[in-house]
PDB file of N, CA and C in Angstrom:
ATOM      1  N   UNK A   1       5.225  20.587  -3.241  1.00  0.00           N
ATOM      2  CA  UNK A   1       3.862  20.903  -3.484  1.00  0.00           C
ATOM      3  C   UNK A   1       3.232  21.347  -2.554  1.00  0.00           C
ATOM      4  N   UNK A   2       2.627  22.688  -2.288  1.00  0.00           N
ATOM      5  CA  UNK A   2       2.036  22.892  -1.020  1.00  0.00           C
ATOM      6  C   UNK A   2       0.575  23.195  -1.235  1.00  0.00           C
ATOM      7  N   UNK A   3      -0.342  22.210  -0.566  1.00  0.00           N
ATOM      8  CA  UNK A   3      -2.212  22.008  -0.765  1.00  0.00           C
ATOM      9  C   UNK A   3      -2.568  22.877   0.037  1.00  0.00           C
ATOM     10  N   UNK A   4      -3.396  23.774  -0.560  1.00  0.00           N
ATOM     11  CA  UNK A   4      -3.983  24.795   0.203  1.00  0.00           C
ATOM     12  C   UNK A   4      -5.272  24.753   0.346  1.00  0.00           C
ATOM     13  N   UNK A   5      -5.829  23.629   1.323  1.00  0.00           N
ATOM     14  CA  UNK A   5      -7.250  23.864   1.826  1.00  0.00           C
ATOM     15  C   UNK A   5      -7.555  23.745   2.913  1.00  0.00           C
ATOM     16  N   UNK A   6      -9.113  24.453   3.274  1.00  0.00           N
ATOM     17  CA  UNK A   6      -9.469  24.897   4.617  1.00  0.00           C
ATOM     18  C   UNK A   6      -9.300  23.662   5.767  1.00  0.00           C
ATOM     19  N   UNK A   7      -9.486  23.698   6.761  1.00  0.00           N
ATOM     20  CA  UNK A   7      -9.668  22.925   7.786  1.00  0.00           C
ATOM     21  C   UNK A   7     -11.062  22.178   7.851  1.00  0.00           C
ATOM     22  N   UNK A   8     -11.259  21.100   7.354  1.00  0.00           N
ATOM     23  CA  UNK A   8     -12.755  20.217   7.033  1.00  0.00           C
ATOM     24  C   UNK A   8     -12.573  18.957   7.560  1.00  0.00           C
ATOM     25  N   UNK A   9     -13.482  18.572   7.540  1.00  0.00           N
ATOM     26  CA  UNK A   9     -13.753  17.015   7.892  1.00  0.00           C
ATOM     27  C   UNK A   9     -13.523  15.917   6.528  1.00  0.00           C
ATOM     28  N   UNK A  10     -14.506  16.600   5.845  1.00  0.00           N
ATOM     29  CA  UNK A  10     -14.341  16.520   4.289  1.00  0.00           C
ATOM     30  C   UNK A  10     -14.258  17.012   3.229  1.00  0.00           C
ATOM     31  N   UNK A  11     -13.625  16.568   2.294  1.00  0.00           N
ATOM     32  CA  UNK A  11     -13.659  17.460   1.121  1.00  0.00           C
ATOM     33  C   UNK A  11     -14.055  16.819  -0.113  1.00  0.00           C
ATOM     34  N   UNK A  12     -14.528  17.707  -1.169  1.00  0.00           N
ATOM     35  CA  UNK A  12     -15.431  17.082  -2.528  1.00  0.00           C
ATOM     36  C   UNK A  12     -14.079  16.878  -3.367  1.00  0.00           C
ATOM     37  N   UNK A  13     -14.292  16.174  -4.154  1.00  0.00           N
ATOM     38  CA  UNK A  13     -13.527  15.949  -5.594  1.00  0.00           C
ATOM     39  C   UNK A  13     -13.110  17.035  -6.205  1.00  0.00           C
ATOM     40  N   UNK A  14     -13.852  17.943  -6.470  1.00  0.00           N
ATOM     41  CA  UNK A  14     -13.472  19.014  -7.143  1.00  0.00           C
ATOM     42  C   UNK A  14     -12.759  20.287  -6.222  1.00  0.00           C
ATOM     43  N   UNK A  15     -12.894  20.179  -5.239  1.00  0.00           N
ATOM     44  CA  UNK A  15     -11.936  20.739  -4.158  1.00  0.00           C
ATOM     45  C   UNK A  15     -10.692  20.301  -4.398  1.00  0.00           C
ATOM     46  N   UNK A  16     -10.530  19.052  -4.295  1.00  0.00           N
ATOM     47  CA  UNK A  16      -9.251  18.141  -4.346  1.00  0.00           C
ATOM     48  C   UNK A  16      -8.404  18.687  -6.063  1.00  0.00           C
ATOM     49  N   UNK A  17      -9.179  18.000  -6.752  1.00  0.00           N
ATOM     50  CA  UNK A  17      -9.071  18.380  -7.886  1.00  0.00           C
ATOM     51  C   UNK A  17      -7.818  19.909  -8.096  1.00  0.00           C
ATOM     52  N   UNK A  18      -8.880  21.030  -7.588  1.00  0.00           N
ATOM     53  CA  UNK A  18      -8.723  22.252  -8.048  1.00  0.00           C
ATOM     54  C   UNK A  18      -7.371  22.634  -6.883  1.00  0.00           C
ATOM     55  N   UNK A  19      -6.911  22.100  -5.427  1.00  0.00           N
ATOM     56  CA  UNK A  19      -6.041  22.154  -5.063  1.00  0.00           C
ATOM     57  C   UNK A  19      -4.874  21.755  -5.843  1.00  0.00           C
ATOM     58  N   UNK A  20      -4.811  20.328  -6.079  1.00  0.00           N
ATOM     59  CA  UNK A  20      -3.946  19.728  -6.916  1.00  0.00           C
ATOM     60  C   UNK A  20      -3.351  19.874  -8.251  1.00  0.00           C
ATOM     61  N   UNK A  21      -4.251  21.182  -8.805  1.00  0.00           N
ATOM     62  CA  UNK A  21      -4.413  21.470 -10.158  1.00  0.00           C
ATOM     63  C   UNK A  21      -4.438  20.331 -11.161  1.00  0.00           C
ATOM     64  N   UNK A  22      -5.389  19.248 -10.982  1.00  0.00           N
ATOM     65  CA  UNK A  22      -5.418  18.222 -12.058  1.00  0.00           C
ATOM     66  C   UNK A  22      -7.021  17.765 -12.212  1.00  0.00           C
ATOM     67  N   UNK A  23      -7.181  17.131 -12.861  1.00  0.00           N
ATOM     68  CA  UNK A  23      -8.922  16.520 -13.745  1.00  0.00           C
ATOM     69  C   UNK A  23      -8.990  15.649 -12.689  1.00  0.00           C
ATOM     70  N   UNK A  24     -10.542  15.906 -12.163  1.00  0.00           N
ATOM     71  CA  UNK A  24     -11.407  15.083 -11.303  1.00  0.00           C
ATOM     72  C   UNK A  24     -11.202  13.756 -11.908  1.00  0.00           C
ATOM     73  N   UNK A  25     -11.026  13.498 -13.470  1.00  0.00           N
ATOM     74  CA  UNK A  25     -10.523  12.236 -13.673  1.00  0.00           C
ATOM     75  C   UNK A  25      -9.370  11.507 -13.216  1.00  0.00           C
ATOM     76  N   UNK A  26      -8.788  12.196 -12.969  1.00  0.00           N
ATOM     77  CA  UNK A  26      -7.391  11.537 -12.435  1.00  0.00           C
ATOM     78  C   UNK A  26      -7.362  11.122 -11.170  1.00  0.00           C
ATOM     79  N   UNK A  27      -8.100  12.301 -10.502  1.00  0.00           N
ATOM     80  CA  UNK A  27      -8.098  11.437  -8.907  1.00  0.00           C
ATOM     81  C   UNK A  27      -8.913  10.576  -8.662  1.00  0.00           C
ATOM     82  N   UNK A  28     -10.260   9.874  -9.432  1.00  0.00           N
ATOM     83  CA  UNK A  28     -10.900   9.024  -9.576  1.00  0.00           C
ATOM     84  C   UNK A  28     -10.080   7.605 -10.238  1.00  0.00           C
ATOM     85  N   UNK A  29      -9.194   7.999 -11.202  1.00  0.00           N
ATOM     86  CA  UNK A  29      -8.350   6.799 -11.760  1.00  0.00           C
ATOM     87  C   UNK A  29      -7.524   6.527 -10.394  1.00  0.00           C
ATOM     88  N   UNK A  30      -6.875   7.309 -10.155  1.00  0.00           N
ATOM     89  CA  UNK A  30      -5.892   7.152  -8.449  1.00  0.00           C
ATOM     90  C   UNK A  30      -6.203   6.366  -7.803  1.00  0.00           C
ATOM     91  N   UNK A  31      -7.497   6.613  -7.654  1.00  0.00           N
ATOM     92  CA  UNK A  31      -8.497   5.810  -6.320  1.00  0.00           C
ATOM     93  C   UNK A  31      -8.398   4.757  -6.976  1.00  0.00           C
ATOM     94  N   UNK A  32      -9.056   4.236  -8.204  1.00  0.00           N
ATOM     95  CA  UNK A  32      -8.876   2.832  -8.643  1.00  0.00           C
ATOM     96  C   UNK A  32      -7.691   1.968  -8.497  1.00  0.00           C
ATOM     97  N   UNK A  33      -6.550   2.501  -8.665  1.00  0.00           N
ATOM     98  CA  UNK A  33      -5.261   2.443  -8.835  1.00  0.00           C
ATOM     99  C   UNK A  33      -4.337   1.956  -7.501  1.00  0.00           C
ATOM    100  N   UNK A  34      -4.333   2.756  -6.668  1.00  0.00           N
ATOM    101  CA  UNK A  34      -4.045   2.540  -4.860  1.00  0.00           C
ATOM    102  C   UNK A  34      -5.060   2.133  -4.162  1.00  0.00           C
ATOM    103  N   UNK A  35      -4.463   1.178  -3.591  1.00  0.00           N
ATOM    104  CA  UNK A  35      -5.277   0.780  -2.317  1.00  0.00           C
ATOM    105  C   UNK A  35      -5.351   1.649  -1.360  1.00  0.00           C
ATOM    106  N   UNK A  36      -4.332   2.331  -1.126  1.00  0.00           N
ATOM    107  CA  UNK A  36      -4.598   3.300  -0.004  1.00  0.00           C
ATOM    108  C   UNK A  36      -5.614   4.630   0.110  1.00  0.00           C
ATOM    109  N   UNK A  37      -6.099   5.005  -1.178  1.00  0.00           N
ATOM    110  CA  UNK A  37      -7.109   5.959  -1.521  1.00  0.00           C
ATOM    111  C   UNK A  37      -8.748   5.160  -1.446  1.00  0.00           C
ATOM    112  N   UNK A  38      -8.850   5.665   0.025  1.00  0.00           N
ATOM    113  CA  UNK A  38     -10.412   4.982   0.198  1.00  0.00           C
ATOM    114  C   UNK A  38     -11.597   5.957   0.363  1.00  0.00           C
ATOM    115  N   UNK A  39     -11.897   6.774  -0.413  1.00  0.00           N
ATOM    116  CA  UNK A  39     -12.692   7.854   0.278  1.00  0.00           C
ATOM    117  C   UNK A  39     -14.288   7.704   0.500  1.00  0.00           C
ATOM    118  N   UNK A  40     -14.910   8.130   1.164  1.00  0.00           N
ATOM    119  CA  UNK A  40     -15.888   7.920   1.663  1.00  0.00           C
ATOM    120  C   UNK A  40     -17.171   8.061   0.499  1.00  0.00           C
ATOM    121  N   UNK A  41     -18.466   7.456   0.392  1.00  0.00           N
ATOM    122  CA  UNK A  41     -19.429   8.095  -0.689  1.00  0.00           C
ATOM    123  C   UNK A  41     -20.438   7.954   0.023  1.00  0.00           C
ATOM    124  N   UNK A  42     -21.367   9.335  -0.451  1.00  0.00           N
ATOM    125  CA  UNK A  42     -22.490   9.449   0.167  1.00  0.00           C
ATOM    126  C   UNK A  42     -23.549   8.764  -0.370  1.00  0.00           C
ATOM    127  N   UNK A  43     -24.972   8.876   0.046  1.00  0.00           N
ATOM    128  CA  UNK A  43     -25.914   8.042  -0.782  1.00  0.00           C
ATOM    129  C   UNK A  43     -26.055   8.215  -2.464  1.00  0.00           C
ATOM    130  N   UNK A  44     -25.740   9.338  -2.764  1.00  0.00           N
ATOM    131  CA  UNK A  44     -25.674   9.747  -4.617  1.00  0.00           C
ATOM    132  C   UNK A  44     -24.388   9.135  -5.109  1.00  0.00           C
ATOM    133  N   UNK A  45     -23.312   8.514  -4.608  1.00  0.00           N
ATOM    134  CA  UNK A  45     -21.983   7.995  -4.780  1.00  0.00           C
ATOM    135  C   UNK A  45     -21.391   9.289  -5.248  1.00  0.00           C
ATOM    136  N   UNK A  46     -21.381  10.295  -4.405  1.00  0.00           N
ATOM    137  CA  UNK A  46     -20.190  11.351  -4.444  1.00  0.00           C
ATOM    138  C   UNK A  46     -19.285  11.053  -3.323  1.00  0.00           C
ATOM    139  N   UNK A  47     -17.734  11.586  -3.499  1.00  0.00           N
ATOM    140  CA  UNK A  47     -16.879  10.969  -3.158  1.00  0.00           C
ATOM    141  C   UNK A  47     -16.494  12.380  -2.114  1.00  0.00           C
ATOM    142  N   UNK A  48     -16.280  11.795  -0.554  1.00  0.00           N
ATOM    143  CA  UNK A  48     -15.858  12.705   0.250  1.00  0.00           C
ATOM    144  C   UNK A  48     -14.211  12.183   0.442  1.00  0.00           C
ATOM    145  N   UNK A  49     -13.469  12.989   0.705  1.00  0.00           N
ATOM    146  CA  UNK A  49     -12.132  12.834   0.760  1.00  0.00           C
ATOM    147  C   UNK A  49     -11.929  13.394   2.302  1.00  0.00           C
ATOM    148  N   UNK A  50     -11.212  12.424   3.373  1.00  0.00           N
ATOM    149  CA  UNK A  50     -10.969  12.950   4.185  1.00  0.00           C
ATOM    150  C   UNK A  50      -9.352  13.584   4.420  1.00  0.00           C
ATOM    151  N   UNK A  51      -9.129  14.153   5.468  1.00  0.00           N
ATOM    152  CA  UNK A  51      -7.577  14.917   5.651  1.00  0.00           C
ATOM    153  C   UNK A  51      -6.803  13.771   5.052  1.00  0.00           C
ATOM    154  N   UNK A  52      -6.863  12.430   5.855  1.00  0.00           N
ATOM    155  CA  UNK A  52      -5.778  11.011   5.712  1.00  0.00           C
ATOM    156  C   UNK A  52      -5.833  10.825   4.041  1.00  0.00           C
ATOM    157  N   UNK A  53      -6.923  10.862   3.465  1.00  0.00           N
ATOM    158  CA  UNK A  53      -6.932  10.473   1.954  1.00  0.00           C
ATOM    159  C   UNK A  53      -6.359  11.957   1.331  1.00  0.00           C
ATOM    160  N   UNK A  54      -6.191  13.104   1.902  1.00  0.00           N
ATOM    161  CA  UNK A  54      -5.607  14.264   0.960  1.00  0.00           C
ATOM    162  C   UNK A  54      -3.894  13.885   1.218  1.00  0.00           C
ATOM    163  N   UNK A  55      -3.885  13.658   2.272  1.00  0.00           N
ATOM    164  CA  UNK A  55      -2.386  13.026   2.705  1.00  0.00           C
ATOM    165  C   UNK A  55      -1.772  12.188   1.683  1.00  0.00           C
ATOM    166  N   UNK A  56      -2.714  11.118   1.666  1.00  0.00           N
ATOM    167  CA  UNK A  56      -2.191  10.206   0.601  1.00  0.00           C
ATOM    168  C   UNK A  56      -1.974  10.633  -0.654  1.00  0.00           C
ATOM    169  N   UNK A  57      -2.775  11.361  -1.179  1.00  0.00           N
ATOM    170  CA  UNK A  57      -2.755  11.919  -2.285  1.00  0.00           C
ATOM    171  C   UNK A  57      -1.722  12.671  -2.582  1.00  0.00           C
ATOM    172  N   UNK A  58      -1.355  13.317  -1.610  1.00  0.00           N
ATOM    173  CA  UNK A  58      -0.194  14.263  -1.456  1.00  0.00           C
ATOM    174  C   UNK A  58       0.964  13.541  -1.662  1.00  0.00           C
ATOM    175  N   UNK A  59       1.301  12.241  -1.357  1.00  0.00           N
ATOM    176  CA  UNK A  59       2.105  11.215  -1.423  1.00  0.00           C
ATOM    177  C   UNK A  59       2.249  10.516  -3.133  1.00  0.00           C
ATOM    178  N   UNK A  60       0.827  10.391  -3.358  1.00  0.00           N
ATOM    179  CA  UNK A  60       0.955   9.793  -4.513  1.00  0.00           C
ATOM    180  C   UNK A  60       1.350  10.718  -5.998  1.00  0.00           C
ATOM    181  N   UNK A  61       0.999  11.926  -5.519  1.00  0.00           N
ATOM    182  CA  UNK A  61       1.027  13.227  -6.571  1.00  0.00           C
ATOM    183  C   UNK A  61       2.740  13.435  -6.478  1.00  0.00           C
ATOM    184  N   UNK A  62       3.371  13.210  -5.442  1.00  0.00           N
ATOM    185  CA  UNK A  62       4.745  13.356  -5.354  1.00  0.00           C
ATOM    186  C   UNK A  62       5.524  12.731  -5.976  1.00  0.00           C
ATOM    187  N   UNK A  63       5.186  11.056  -5.759  1.00  0.00           N
ATOM    188  CA  UNK A  63       5.819   9.948  -6.431  1.00  0.00           C
ATOM    189  C   UNK A  63       5.305  10.061  -7.948  1.00  0.00           C
ATOM    190  N   UNK A  64       4.142  10.308  -8.006  1.00  0.00           N
ATOM    191  CA  UNK A  64       4.177  10.189  -9.565  1.00  0.00           C
ATOM    192  C   UNK A  64       4.362  11.234 -10.559  1.00  0.00           C
ATOM    193  N   UNK A  65       4.057  12.521 -10.195  1.00  0.00           N
ATOM    194  CA  UNK A  65       3.762  13.966 -10.902  1.00  0.00           C
ATOM    195  C   UNK A  65       5.547  14.641 -10.622  1.00  0.00           C
ATOM    196  N   UNK A  66       5.941  14.666  -9.553  1.00  0.00           N
ATOM    197  CA  UNK A  66       7.356  15.103  -9.519  1.00  0.00           C
ATOM    198  C   UNK A  66       8.571  14.307  -8.983  1.00  0.00           C
ATOM    199  N   UNK A  67       8.536  12.998  -8.874  1.00  0.00           N
ATOM    200  CA  UNK A  67       9.301  11.831  -8.984  1.00  0.00           C
ATOM    201  C   UNK A  67       9.446  11.381 -10.478  1.00  0.00           C
ATOM    202  N   UNK A  68       8.295  11.168 -10.728  1.00  0.00           N
ATOM    203  CA  UNK A  68       8.381  10.632 -12.080  1.00  0.00           C
ATOM    204  C   UNK A  68       8.361   9.123 -11.962  1.00  0.00           C
ATOM    205  N   UNK A  69       7.762   8.513 -11.114  1.00  0.00           N
ATOM    206  CA  UNK A  69       7.247   6.934 -10.748  1.00  0.00           C
ATOM    207  C   UNK A  69       6.379   6.750 -11.922  1.00  0.00           C
ATOM    208  N   UNK A  70       6.171   5.508 -12.553  1.00  0.00           N
ATOM    209  CA  UNK A  70       5.274   5.087 -13.183  1.00  0.00           C
ATOM    210  C   UNK A  70       4.327   4.354 -12.344  1.00  0.00           C
ATOM    211  N   UNK A  71       3.021   4.308 -12.553  1.00  0.00           N
ATOM    212  CA  UNK A  71       1.910   3.854 -11.277  1.00  0.00           C
ATOM    213  C   UNK A  71       2.286   2.632 -10.853  1.00  0.00           C
ATOM    214  N   UNK A  72       2.609   1.578 -11.612  1.00  0.00           N
ATOM    215  CA  UNK A  72       3.206   0.361 -10.958  1.00  0.00           C
ATOM    216  C   UNK A  72       4.821   0.627 -10.020  1.00  0.00           C
ATOM    217  N   UNK A  73       5.449   1.325 -10.551  1.00  0.00           N
ATOM    218  CA  UNK A  73       6.433   1.453  -9.696  1.00  0.00           C
ATOM    219  C   UNK A  73       6.215   2.571  -8.399  1.00  0.00           C
ATOM    220  N   UNK A  74       5.194   3.221  -8.497  1.00  0.00           N
ATOM    221  CA  UNK A  74       4.928   4.000  -7.165  1.00  0.00           C
ATOM    222  C   UNK A  74       4.035   3.054  -6.161  1.00  0.00           C
ATOM    223  N   UNK A  75       3.402   2.023  -6.947  1.00  0.00           N
ATOM    224  CA  UNK A  75       2.365   1.129  -5.911  1.00  0.00           C
ATOM    225  C   UNK A  75       3.362   0.196  -5.386  1.00  0.00           C
ATOM    226  N   UNK A  76       4.531  -0.397  -5.808  1.00  0.00           N
ATOM    227  CA  UNK A  76       5.285  -0.949  -5.336  1.00  0.00           C
ATOM    228  C   UNK A  76       6.158  -0.165  -4.394  1.00  0.00           C
ATOM    229  N   UNK A  77       6.620   1.192  -4.588  1.00  0.00           N
ATOM    230  CA  UNK A  77       7.267   1.859  -3.767  1.00  0.00           C
ATOM    231  C   UNK A  77       6.499   2.216  -2.384  1.00  0.00           C
ATOM    232  N   UNK A  78       5.207   2.321  -2.455  1.00  0.00           N
ATOM    233  CA  UNK A  78       4.417   2.483  -1.391  1.00  0.00           C
ATOM    234  C   UNK A  78       4.112   1.244  -0.556  1.00  0.00           C
ATOM    235  N   UNK A  79       4.219   0.095  -1.167  1.00  0.00           N
ATOM    236  CA  UNK A  79       3.906  -1.234  -0.540  1.00  0.00           C
ATOM    237  C   UNK A  79       5.361  -1.863   0.388  1.00  0.00           C
ATOM    238  N   UNK A  80       6.084  -1.458  -0.340  1.00  0.00           N
ATOM    239  CA  UNK A  80       7.689  -1.843   0.352  1.00  0.00           C
ATOM    240  C   UNK A  80       7.995  -0.925   1.189  1.00  0.00           C
ATOM    241  N   UNK A  81       8.107   0.086   0.960  1.00  0.00           N
ATOM    242  CA  UNK A  81       8.723   1.658   2.020  1.00  0.00           C
ATOM    243  C   UNK A  81       7.635   2.554   2.553  1.00  0.00           C
ATOM    244  N   UNK A  82       6.471   2.379   2.806  1.00  0.00           N
ATOM    245  CA  UNK A  82       5.625   3.278   3.123  1.00  0.00           C
ATOM    246  C   UNK A  82       6.047   3.926   3.936  1.00  0.00           C
ATOM    247  N   UNK A  83       6.217   3.399   5.470  1.00  0.00           N
ATOM    248  CA  UNK A  83       6.555   4.063   6.607  1.00  0.00           C
ATOM    249  C   UNK A  83       8.147   5.233   6.239  1.00  0.00           C
ATOM    250  N   UNK A  84       8.858   4.815   5.187  1.00  0.00           N
ATOM    251  CA  UNK A  84      10.101   5.777   5.123  1.00  0.00           C
ATOM    252  C   UNK A  84       9.268   6.643   4.080  1.00  0.00           C
ATOM    253  N   UNK A  85       8.918   6.434   2.906  1.00  0.00           N
ATOM    254  CA  UNK A  85       7.960   7.443   2.132  1.00  0.00           C
ATOM    255  C   UNK A  85       7.452   8.022   2.911  1.00  0.00           C
ATOM    256  N   UNK A  86       6.719   7.976   3.807  1.00  0.00           N
ATOM    257  CA  UNK A  86       5.907   8.884   4.127  1.00  0.00           C
ATOM    258  C   UNK A  86       7.192   9.985   5.178  1.00  0.00           C
ATOM    259  N   UNK A  87       8.364   9.396   5.973  1.00  0.00           N
ATOM    260  CA  UNK A  87       9.020   9.958   6.679  1.00  0.00           C
ATOM    261  C   UNK A  87       9.819  11.226   5.561  1.00  0.00           C
ATOM    262  N   UNK A  88      10.243  10.752   4.651  1.00  0.00           N
ATOM    263  CA  UNK A  88      10.730  11.545   3.786  1.00  0.00           C
ATOM    264  C   UNK A  88       9.908  12.925   3.043  1.00  0.00           C
ATOM    265  N   UNK A  89       8.653  12.297   2.808  1.00  0.00           N
ATOM    266  CA  UNK A  89       7.695  13.244   1.995  1.00  0.00           C
ATOM    267  C   UNK A  89       7.373  14.216   3.521  1.00  0.00           C
ATOM    268  N   UNK A  90       7.227  13.783   4.804  1.00  0.00           N
ATOM    269  CA  UNK A  90       7.099  14.849   5.921  1.00  0.00           C
ATOM    270  C   UNK A  90       8.249  16.014   5.711  1.00  0.00           C
ATOM    271  N   UNK A  91       9.394  15.389   5.530  1.00  0.00           N
ATOM    272  CA  UNK A  91      10.717  16.189   5.711  1.00  0.00           C
ATOM    273  C   UNK A  91      10.652  16.770   4.544  1.00  0.00           C
ATOM    274  N   UNK A  92      10.643  16.487   3.442  1.00  0.00           N
ATOM    275  CA  UNK A  92      10.355  17.377   2.123  1.00  0.00           C
ATOM    276  C   UNK A  92       9.390  18.374   2.376  1.00  0.00           C
ATOM    277  N   UNK A  93       8.480  18.422   2.798  1.00  0.00           N
ATOM    278  CA  UNK A  93       7.460  18.817   3.111  1.00  0.00           C
ATOM    279  C   UNK A  93       7.507  20.537   3.794  1.00  0.00           C
ATOM    280  N   UNK A  94       8.300  20.037   5.046  1.00  0.00           N
ATOM    281  CA  UNK A  94       8.831  21.321   6.208  1.00  0.00           C
ATOM    282  C   UNK A  94      10.109  21.755   5.098  1.00  0.00           C
ATOM    283  N   UNK A  95      10.805  21.236   4.408  1.00  0.00           N
ATOM    284  CA  UNK A  95      11.953  21.961   4.039  1.00  0.00           C
ATOM    285  C   UNK A  95      11.276  23.164   2.886  1.00  0.00           C
ATOM    286  N   UNK A  96      10.179  22.685   2.074  1.00  0.00           N
ATOM    287  CA  UNK A  96       9.602  23.277   1.213  1.00  0.00           C
ATOM    288  C   UNK A  96       9.158  24.412   1.509  1.00  0.00           C
ATOM    289  N   UNK A  97       8.593  24.507   2.929  1.00  0.00           N
ATOM    290  CA  UNK A  97       7.882  25.607   4.048  1.00  0.00           C
ATOM    291  C   UNK A  97       8.802  26.414   4.240  1.00  0.00           C
ATOM    292  N   UNK A  98       9.893  25.841   4.743  1.00  0.00           N
ATOM    293  CA  UNK A  98      10.993  26.958   5.331  1.00  0.00           C
ATOM    294  C   UNK A  98      11.497  27.447   4.228  1.00  0.00           C
ATOM    295  N   UNK A  99      11.542  27.006   3.035  1.00  0.00           N
ATOM    296  CA  UNK A  99      11.972  27.749   1.833  1.00  0.00           C
ATOM    297  C   UNK A  99      11.259  28.925   1.552  1.00  0.00           C
ATOM    298  N   UNK A 100       9.668  28.412   1.270  1.00  0.00           N
ATOM    299  CA  UNK A 100       9.033  29.698   1.056  1.00  0.00           C
ATOM    300  C   UNK A 100       8.969  30.676   2.100  1.00  0.00           C
ATOM    301  N   UNK A 101       9.244  30.397   2.990  1.00  0.00           N
ATOM    302  CA  UNK A 101       9.573  31.265   4.104  1.00  0.00           C
ATOM    303  C   UNK A 101      10.779  32.380   4.114  1.00  0.00           C
ATOM    304  N   UNK A 102      11.801  32.071   3.763  1.00  0.00           N
ATOM    305  CA  UNK A 102      12.992  32.328   3.143  1.00  0.00           C
ATOM    306  C   UNK A 102      12.905  33.295   2.252  1.00  0.00           C
ATOM    307  N   UNK A 103      11.963  32.982   1.276  1.00  0.00           N
ATOM    308  CA  UNK A 103      12.056  33.548  -0.023  1.00  0.00           C
ATOM    309  C   UNK A 103      11.266  35.110   0.283  1.00  0.00           C
ATOM    310  N   UNK A 104      10.348  34.453   1.165  1.00  0.00           N
ATOM    311  CA  UNK A 104       9.095  35.634   1.647  1.00  0.00           C
ATOM    312  C   UNK A 104      10.042  36.763   2.133  1.00  0.00           C
ATOM    313  N   UNK A 105      11.057  36.499   3.261  1.00  0.00           N
ATOM    314  CA  UNK A 105      11.944  37.233   3.775  1.00  0.00           C
ATOM    315  C   UNK A 105      12.808  37.707   2.967  1.00  0.00           C
ATOM    316  N   UNK A 106      13.362  37.433   2.003  1.00  0.00           N
ATOM    317  CA  UNK A 106      14.240  37.809   1.059  1.00  0.00           C
ATOM    318  C   UNK A 106      13.491  38.871  -0.126  1.00  0.00           C
ATOM    319  N   UNK A 107      12.501  38.772  -0.234  1.00  0.00           N
ATOM    320  CA  UNK A 107      11.697  39.375  -0.944  1.00  0.00           C
ATOM    321  C   UNK A 107      11.433  40.867  -0.217  1.00  0.00           C
ATOM    322  N   UNK A 108      11.116  40.882   0.895  1.00  0.00           N
ATOM    323  CA  UNK A 108      10.673  41.673   1.769  1.00  0.00           C
ATOM    324  C   UNK A 108      11.978  43.016   2.196  1.00  0.00           C
ATOM    325  N   UNK A 109      13.412  42.203   2.121  1.00  0.00           N
ATOM    326  CA  UNK A 109      14.652  42.828   2.069  1.00  0.00           C
ATOM    327  C   UNK A 109      14.895  43.968   0.829  1.00  0.00           C
TER     328      UNK A 109
END
């Protein structure tokens, strides 16, 4: 899955939910369930997600939505194999990028 967000320091929860094509309530739920998600909150209580939070959300989305992990399974997997999961996720993301470029080239031919 490719997340299309502009380069910014902070993202609102609406931007994040739209980029992942999920409800904002799911993002808030994942924030409560996963320790690696710690968005900053302003004086009004609005969540502001950093690019690191977005990367963590991508990993959670990948594990839960694409790989079919349960929430407990994803938590355990992240705690035990966090670096291994990050490495695999980066490789998969790069391969998906190459695949999309190859599809563009094929369509141009």
